[in-house]
C-alpha atoms as a PDB file:
ATOM      1  CA  MET A   1      -0.013  -0.111   0.169  1.00  0.00           C
ATOM      2  CA  ARG A   2       1.495   3.336  -0.875  1.00  0.00           C
ATOM      3  CA  SER A   3       1.942   6.001   1.447  1.00  0.00           C
ATOM      4  CA  GLU A   4      -0.064   9.546   1.936  1.00  0.00           C
ATOM      5  CA  THR A   5       3.350  10.787   0.439  1.00  0.00           C
ATOM      6  CA  GLU A   6       3.826   8.168  -2.123  1.00  0.00           C
ATOM      7  CA  VAL A   7      -0.042   8.532  -3.632  1.00  0.00           C
ATOM      8  CA  ALA A   8       0.876  12.818  -3.570  1.00  0.00           C
ATOM      9  CA  VAL A   9       3.866  12.669  -5.459  1.00  0.00           C
ATOM     10  CA  SER A  10       2.307  10.364  -8.241  1.00  0.00           C
ATOM     11  CA  THR A  11      -1.021  12.431  -8.202  1.00  0.00           C
ATOM     12  CA  ALA A  12       1.335  15.883  -8.538  1.00  0.00           C
ATOM     13  CA  ALA A  13       3.486  13.913 -11.906  1.00  0.00           C
ATOM     14  CA  ILE A  14      -0.146  12.694 -13.774  1.00  0.00           C
ATOM     15  CA  THR A  15      -1.545  15.681 -13.262  1.00  0.00           C
ATOM     16  CA  LEU A  16       1.841  17.678 -15.031  1.00  0.00           C
ATOM     17  CA  MET A  17       1.858  15.073 -17.958  1.00  0.00           C
ATOM     18  CA  ARG A  18      -1.970  16.104 -18.630  1.00  0.00           C
ATOM     19  CA  GLY A  19      -0.537  19.786 -18.942  1.00  0.00           C
ATOM     20  CA  VAL A  20      -0.119  23.072 -17.065  1.00  0.00           C
ATOM     21  CA  VAL A  21      -0.495  23.192 -13.029  1.00  0.00           C
ATOM     22  CA  TYR A  22      -1.831  26.353 -11.883  1.00  0.00           C
ATOM     23  CA  ARG A  23      -1.394  27.331  -7.831  1.00  0.00           C
ATOM     24  CA  GLU A  24      -5.049  28.504  -7.932  1.00  0.00           C
ATOM     25  CA  THR A  25      -6.906  25.510  -9.724  1.00  0.00           C
ATOM     26  CA  HIS A  26      -4.502  22.977  -8.797  1.00  0.00           C
ATOM     27  CA  GLU A  27      -3.900  23.745  -4.884  1.00  0.00           C
ATOM     28  CA  GLY A  28      -2.952  19.784  -3.666  1.00  0.00           C
ATOM     29  CA  VAL A  29      -0.838  18.899  -6.842  1.00  0.00           C
ATOM     30  CA  TRP A  30       0.601  22.412  -5.896  1.00  0.00           C
ATOM     31  CA  ALA A  31       0.783  21.815  -2.035  1.00  0.00           C
ATOM     32  CA  THR A  32       2.632  18.607  -2.942  1.00  0.00           C
ATOM     33  CA  LEU A  33       5.381  20.406  -5.754  1.00  0.00           C
ATOM     34  CA  GLN A  34       6.048  23.059  -3.162  1.00  0.00           C
ATOM     35  CA  ARG A  35       6.208  19.774  -0.405  1.00  0.00           C
ATOM     36  CA  HIS A  36       8.234  16.940  -2.225  1.00  0.00           C
ATOM     37  CA  GLY A  37       9.242  18.292  -5.308  1.00  0.00           C
ATOM     38  CA  ALA A  38      12.606  16.283  -5.828  1.00  0.00           C
ATOM     39  CA  PRO A  39      10.692  13.018  -5.694  1.00  0.00           C
ATOM     40  CA  VAL A  40       8.779  15.161  -8.447  1.00  0.00           C
ATOM     41  CA  ARG A  41      12.001  16.126 -10.287  1.00  0.00           C
ATOM     42  CA  ASP A  42      13.735  12.481  -9.933  1.00  0.00           C
ATOM     43  CA  HIS A  43      11.326  11.025 -11.537  1.00  0.00           C
ATOM     44  CA  PHE A  44      10.736  13.098 -14.965  1.00  0.00           C
ATOM     45  CA  ALA A  45      14.708  13.591 -14.544  1.00  0.00           C
ATOM     46  CA  THR A  46      14.922   9.765 -15.774  1.00  0.00           C
ATOM     47  CA  ILE A  47      13.366  10.031 -19.255  1.00  0.00           C
ATOM     48  CA  GLY A  48      15.242  13.559 -19.307  1.00  0.00           C
ATOM     49  CA  VAL A  49      12.131  15.928 -18.929  1.00  0.00           C
ATOM     50  CA  ASP A  50      12.807  18.699 -16.556  1.00  0.00           C
ATOM     51  CA  VAL A  51       9.682  19.907 -14.276  1.00  0.00           C
ATOM     52  CA  VAL A  52       9.539  23.881 -14.194  1.00  0.00           C
ATOM     53  CA  VAL A  53       7.495  25.242 -11.264  1.00  0.00           C
ATOM     54  CA  ASP A  54       7.384  29.328 -11.522  1.00  0.00           C
ATOM     55  CA  ASP A  55       5.972  30.706  -7.965  1.00  0.00           C
ATOM     56  CA  ASN A  56       6.015  33.615  -8.541  1.00  0.00           C
ATOM     57  CA  GLU A  57       3.226  33.450 -10.890  1.00  0.00           C
ATOM     58  CA  GLY A  58       2.119  30.057  -9.958  1.00  0.00           C
ATOM     59  CA  TYR A  59       1.853  27.793 -12.570  1.00  0.00           C
ATOM     60  CA  ALA A  60       4.227  24.618 -13.259  1.00  0.00           C
ATOM     61  CA  TYR A  61       5.386  22.945 -16.324  1.00  0.00           C
ATOM     62  CA  LEU A  62       7.319  19.677 -17.964  1.00  0.00           C
ATOM     63  CA  ARG A  63      10.194  20.572 -20.535  1.00  0.00           C
ATOM     64  CA  ALA A  64      11.923  18.411 -22.535  1.00  0.00           C
ATOM     65  CA  GLU A  65      15.696  19.763 -21.235  1.00  0.00           C
ATOM     66  CA  VAL A  66      18.212  21.203 -23.587  1.00  0.00           C
ATOM     67  CA  ASP A  67      21.029  18.717 -22.774  1.00  0.00           C
ATOM     68  CA  ASP A  68      19.421  15.778 -23.710  1.00  0.00           C
ATOM     69  CA  ALA A  69      17.582  16.758 -26.561  1.00  0.00           C
ATOM     70  CA  GLU A  70      19.587  15.500 -29.317  1.00  0.00           C
ATOM     71  CA  GLU A  71      19.912  11.749 -27.058  1.00  0.00           C
ATOM     72  CA  LEU A  72      17.078  11.192 -26.282  1.00  0.00           C
ATOM     73  CA  PRO A  73      13.453  10.942 -28.643  1.00  0.00           C
ATOM     74  CA  ARG A  74      11.326  13.342 -28.262  1.00  0.00           C
ATOM     75  CA  LEU A  75       8.447  13.014 -25.668  1.00  0.00           C
ATOM     76  CA  VAL A  76       6.418  15.268 -27.012  1.00  0.00           C
ATOM     77  CA  ASN A  77       6.217  16.246 -30.979  1.00  0.00           C
ATOM     78  CA  ARG A  78       6.519  19.805 -31.620  1.00  0.00           C
ATOM     79  CA  ARG A  79       3.770  20.616 -33.545  1.00  0.00           C
ATOM     80  CA  SER A  80       4.082  24.098 -36.115  1.00  0.00           C
ATOM     81  CA  LEU A  81       1.383  27.174 -35.135  1.00  0.00           C
ATOM     82  CA  SER A  82      -0.582  28.215 -38.118  1.00  0.00           C
ATOM     83  CA  TYR A  83      -0.069  32.256 -38.797  1.00  0.00           C
ATOM     84  CA  PRO A  84      -2.783  33.734 -37.074  1.00  0.00           C
ATOM     85  CA  VAL A  85      -2.730  31.628 -33.601  1.00  0.00           C
ATOM     86  CA  SER A  86       1.233  32.867 -33.468  1.00  0.00           C
ATOM     87  CA  LEU A  87       0.557  36.230 -34.257  1.00  0.00           C
ATOM     88  CA  LEU A  88      -2.209  36.350 -31.703  1.00  0.00           C
ATOM     89  CA  LEU A  89       0.286  34.639 -28.909  1.00  0.00           C
ATOM     90  CA  VAL A  90       2.499  37.010 -29.401  1.00  0.00           C
ATOM     91  CA  LEU A  91      -0.065  39.611 -29.488  1.00  0.00           C
ATOM     92  CA  LEU A  92      -1.113  38.872 -25.839  1.00  0.00           C
ATOM     93  CA  ARG A  93       2.056  38.703 -25.165  1.00  0.00           C
ATOM     94  CA  LYS A  94       2.630  41.903 -25.832  1.00  0.00           C
ATOM     95  CA  ARG A  95      -0.464  43.047 -23.665  1.00  0.00           C
ATOM     96  CA  MET A  96       0.452  41.069 -20.773  1.00  0.00           C
ATOM     97  CA  VAL A  97       3.820  43.110 -20.287  1.00  0.00           C
ATOM     98  CA  GLU A  98       1.020  46.078 -20.783  1.00  0.00           C
ATOM     99  CA  TRP A  99      -0.688  45.061 -18.363  1.00  0.00           C
ATOM    100  CA  GLU A 100       1.911  44.277 -16.149  1.00  0.00           C
ATOM    101  CA  SER A 101       3.188  47.656 -16.063  1.00  0.00           C
ATOM    102  CA  THR A 102      -0.188  49.570 -15.972  1.00  0.00           C
ATOM    103  CA  SER A 103      -2.653  47.619 -14.006  1.00  0.00           C
ATOM    104  CA  ASN A 104      -3.102  46.246  -9.989  1.00  0.00           C
ATOM    105  CA  GLU A 105      -5.241  43.855 -11.685  1.00  0.00           C
ATOM    106  CA  PRO A 106      -4.783  40.387 -10.677  1.00  0.00           C
ATOM    107  CA  ARG A 107      -5.503  39.030 -13.870  1.00  0.00           C
ATOM    108  CA  LEU A 108      -5.677  40.208 -18.160  1.00  0.00           C
ATOM    109  CA  ILE A 109      -9.337  39.683 -18.903  1.00  0.00           C
ATOM    110  CA  LEU A 110      -9.986  40.602 -22.249  1.00  0.00           C
ATOM    111  CA  THR A 111     -13.399  40.425 -24.222  1.00  0.00           C
ATOM    112  CA  ARG A 112     -13.227  38.124 -28.242  1.00  0.00           C
ATOM    113  CA  GLU A 113     -13.691  42.048 -29.419  1.00  0.00           C
ATOM    114  CA  GLN A 114     -10.567  43.559 -27.953  1.00  0.00           C
ATOM    115  CA  ILE A 115      -8.768  40.419 -29.076  1.00  0.00           C
ATOM    116  CA  GLY A 116     -10.538  40.517 -32.802  1.00  0.00           C
ATOM    117  CA  GLU A 117      -9.543  44.321 -32.542  1.00  0.00           C
ATOM    118  CA  MET A 118      -6.482  42.948 -31.982  1.00  0.00           C
ATOM    119  CA  LEU A 119      -6.085  40.895 -34.507  1.00  0.00           C
ATOM    120  CA  ALA A 120      -7.640  42.835 -37.045  1.00  0.00           C
ATOM    121  CA  LEU A 121      -4.659  45.129 -37.799  1.00  0.00           C
ATOM    122  CA  PHE A 122      -2.609  41.841 -38.896  1.00  0.00           C
ATOM    123  CA  LEU A 123      -4.913  39.667 -41.193  1.00  0.00           C
ATOM    124  CA  ALA A 124      -5.326  40.716 -44.593  1.00  0.00           C
ATOM    125  CA  ASP A 125      -8.162  43.173 -44.986  1.00  0.00           C
ATOM    126  CA  THR A 126     -11.028  41.908 -46.352  1.00  0.00           C
ATOM    127  CA  SER A 127     -15.157  42.772 -47.750  1.00  0.00           C
ATOM    128  CA  ASN A 128     -16.673  39.352 -45.309  1.00  0.00           C
ATOM    129  CA  GLU A 129     -16.404  40.818 -42.555  1.00  0.00           C
ATOM    130  CA  ALA A 130     -18.476  37.244 -41.839  1.00  0.00           C
ATOM    131  CA  ARG A 131     -15.347  35.180 -43.207  1.00  0.00           C
ATOM    132  CA  GLN A 132     -13.478  37.296 -40.688  1.00  0.00           C
ATOM    133  CA  LEU A 133     -15.109  37.285 -37.507  1.00  0.00           C
ATOM    134  CA  ASP A 134     -14.829  33.431 -38.513  1.00  0.00           C
ATOM    135  CA  GLN A 135     -11.005  33.066 -38.434  1.00  0.00           C
ATOM    136  CA  VAL A 136     -11.356  35.090 -35.569  1.00  0.00           C
ATOM    137  CA  ASP A 137     -13.325  33.087 -33.364  1.00  0.00           C
ATOM    138  CA  SER A 138     -11.515  30.214 -35.198  1.00  0.00           C
ATOM    139  CA  THR A 139      -8.138  31.536 -33.573  1.00  0.00           C
ATOM    140  CA  ILE A 140      -9.087  32.422 -30.250  1.00  0.00           C
ATOM    141  CA  LYS A 141     -10.975  28.685 -30.015  1.00  0.00           C
ATOM    142  CA  LYS A 142      -7.127  27.392 -31.163  1.00  0.00           C
ATOM    143  CA  VAL A 143      -5.023  28.750 -28.471  1.00  0.00           C
ATOM    144  CA  VAL A 144      -8.022  27.879 -25.561  1.00  0.00           C
ATOM    145  CA  ASP A 145      -7.202  24.325 -26.842  1.00  0.00           C
ATOM    146  CA  LEU A 146      -3.525  25.037 -26.219  1.00  0.00           C
ATOM    147  CA  GLY A 147      -4.777  26.484 -22.596  1.00  0.00           C
ATOM    148  CA  PHE A 148      -2.756  30.115 -23.474  1.00  0.00           C
ATOM    149  CA  LEU A 149      -6.494  31.411 -22.934  1.00  0.00           C
ATOM    150  CA  ARG A 150      -9.287  30.638 -20.930  1.00  0.00           C
ATOM    151  CA  ALA A 151     -12.792  31.478 -21.423  1.00  0.00           C
ATOM    152  CA  LEU A 152     -14.581  33.118 -18.242  1.00  0.00           C
ATOM    153  CA  ARG A 153     -17.058  30.970 -16.601  1.00  0.00           C
ATOM    154  CA  GLY A 154     -20.944  32.923 -16.462  1.00  0.00           C
ATOM    155  CA  GLN A 155     -19.668  35.456 -18.930  1.00  0.00           C
ATOM    156  CA  ARG A 156     -19.989  35.037 -22.498  1.00  0.00           C
ATOM    157  CA  ASP A 157     -16.894  35.707 -24.674  1.00  0.00           C
ATOM    158  CA  THR A 158     -14.655  36.721 -22.100  1.00  0.00           C
ATOM    159  CA  PHE A 159     -11.519  35.204 -21.881  1.00  0.00           C
ATOM    160  CA  GLU A 160      -8.618  35.002 -19.487  1.00  0.00           C
ATOM    161  CA  VAL A 161      -5.105  34.983 -20.851  1.00  0.00           C
ATOM    162  CA  ARG A 162      -3.057  32.708 -18.406  1.00  0.00           C
ATOM    163  CA  ARG A 163       0.106  33.954 -17.442  1.00  0.00           C
ATOM    164  CA  ILE A 164       2.099  30.391 -19.031  1.00  0.00           C
ATOM    165  CA  LEU A 165       2.253  32.545 -21.944  1.00  0.00           C
ATOM    166  CA  LYS A 166       5.277  34.366 -20.490  1.00  0.00           C
ATOM    167  CA  ALA A 167       6.929  30.635 -20.594  1.00  0.00           C
ATOM    168  CA  TYR A 168       6.309  29.913 -23.752  1.00  0.00           C
ATOM    169  CA  VAL A 169       6.627  33.748 -25.106  1.00  0.00           C
ATOM    170  CA  ASP A 170       9.942  35.213 -24.230  1.00  0.00           C
ATOM    171  CA  ALA A 171      11.276  38.612 -24.575  1.00  0.00           C
ATOM    172  CA  GLN A 172      13.688  37.475 -27.228  1.00  0.00           C
ATOM    173  CA  THR A 173      10.662  36.177 -29.155  1.00  0.00           C
ATOM    174  CA  LEU A 174       8.788  39.363 -28.715  1.00  0.00           C
ATOM    175  CA  ALA A 175      11.096  41.410 -29.500  1.00  0.00           C
ATOM    176  CA  ASP A 176      11.920  39.844 -32.870  1.00  0.00           C
ATOM    177  CA  PHE A 177       8.232  39.056 -33.563  1.00  0.00           C
ATOM    178  CA  ALA A 178       8.018  42.588 -33.072  1.00  0.00           C
ATOM    179  CA  ALA A 179      10.756  43.852 -35.524  1.00  0.00           C
ATOM    180  CA  LYS A 180       8.982  41.356 -37.900  1.00  0.00           C
ATOM    181  CA  LEU A 181       5.619  43.086 -37.271  1.00  0.00           C
ATOM    182  CA  ASP A 182       6.611  46.946 -37.634  1.00  0.00           C
ATOM    183  CA  ASP A 183       8.545  45.578 -41.351  1.00  0.00           C
ATOM    184  CA  TYR A 184       4.873  44.400 -42.237  1.00  0.00           C
ATOM    185  CA  ARG A 185       3.459  47.833 -41.250  1.00  0.00           C
ATOM    186  CA  LEU A 186       6.174  49.776 -42.942  1.00  0.00           C
ATOM    187  CA  ASP A 187       5.836  47.546 -46.187  1.00  0.00           C
ATOM    188  CA  ASN A 188       2.258  48.470 -46.513  1.00  0.00           C
ATOM    189  CA  SER A 189       2.176  51.793 -45.723  1.00  0.00           C
ATOM    190  CA  LEU A 190       4.556  52.232 -48.482  1.00  0.00           C
ATOM    191  CA  GLY A 191       2.628  49.731 -50.168  1.00  0.00           C
ATOM    192  CA  ASP A 192      -0.269  52.269 -49.399  1.00  0.00           C
ATOM    193  CA  SER A 193       1.436  55.791 -50.176  1.00  0.00           C
ATOM    194  CA  ARG A 194       2.148  54.489 -53.830  1.00  0.00           C
ATOM    195  CA  GLU A 195      -1.085  53.579 -54.935  1.00  0.00           C
END
């Protein structure tokens, strides 16, 4: 029969394998990671996986060890993201940086309309507004499925931007993409002035 500690460690490991662990929604698992983090880390280290715990932001997740990346097969296959999804992730991360520097609110909350306005600046101009709304909705759904947005209960078309986005879109990625977006805007404004 397993001890309470063994059950707690196993539960924490299984929960991490299912996805991101958040302090506010996985309180028991979070407490286990705080008290018994070493056995959980040791468990995953044998298969070349790091347990990343960000105490400040309140999330934990699994990441392949960089040193063993070439020696071991990948545990999870990489997925390439579409342009609209990549764009939305970067725009949400940029909004999060702005929000962190100006807001005292504990969570970044955005409406579907606000997200649509952010995306509309960079999506292809179309006279078919319904088609563009469908693309925005489809992109939001994919980002929700990836775990970077969470629909709020009882509030239709309102989303929380999850802090795990900070681990996925780091400052360097944000800077690189921002430069590309600036080039895109410049090219488009030059094109408009030539017409």
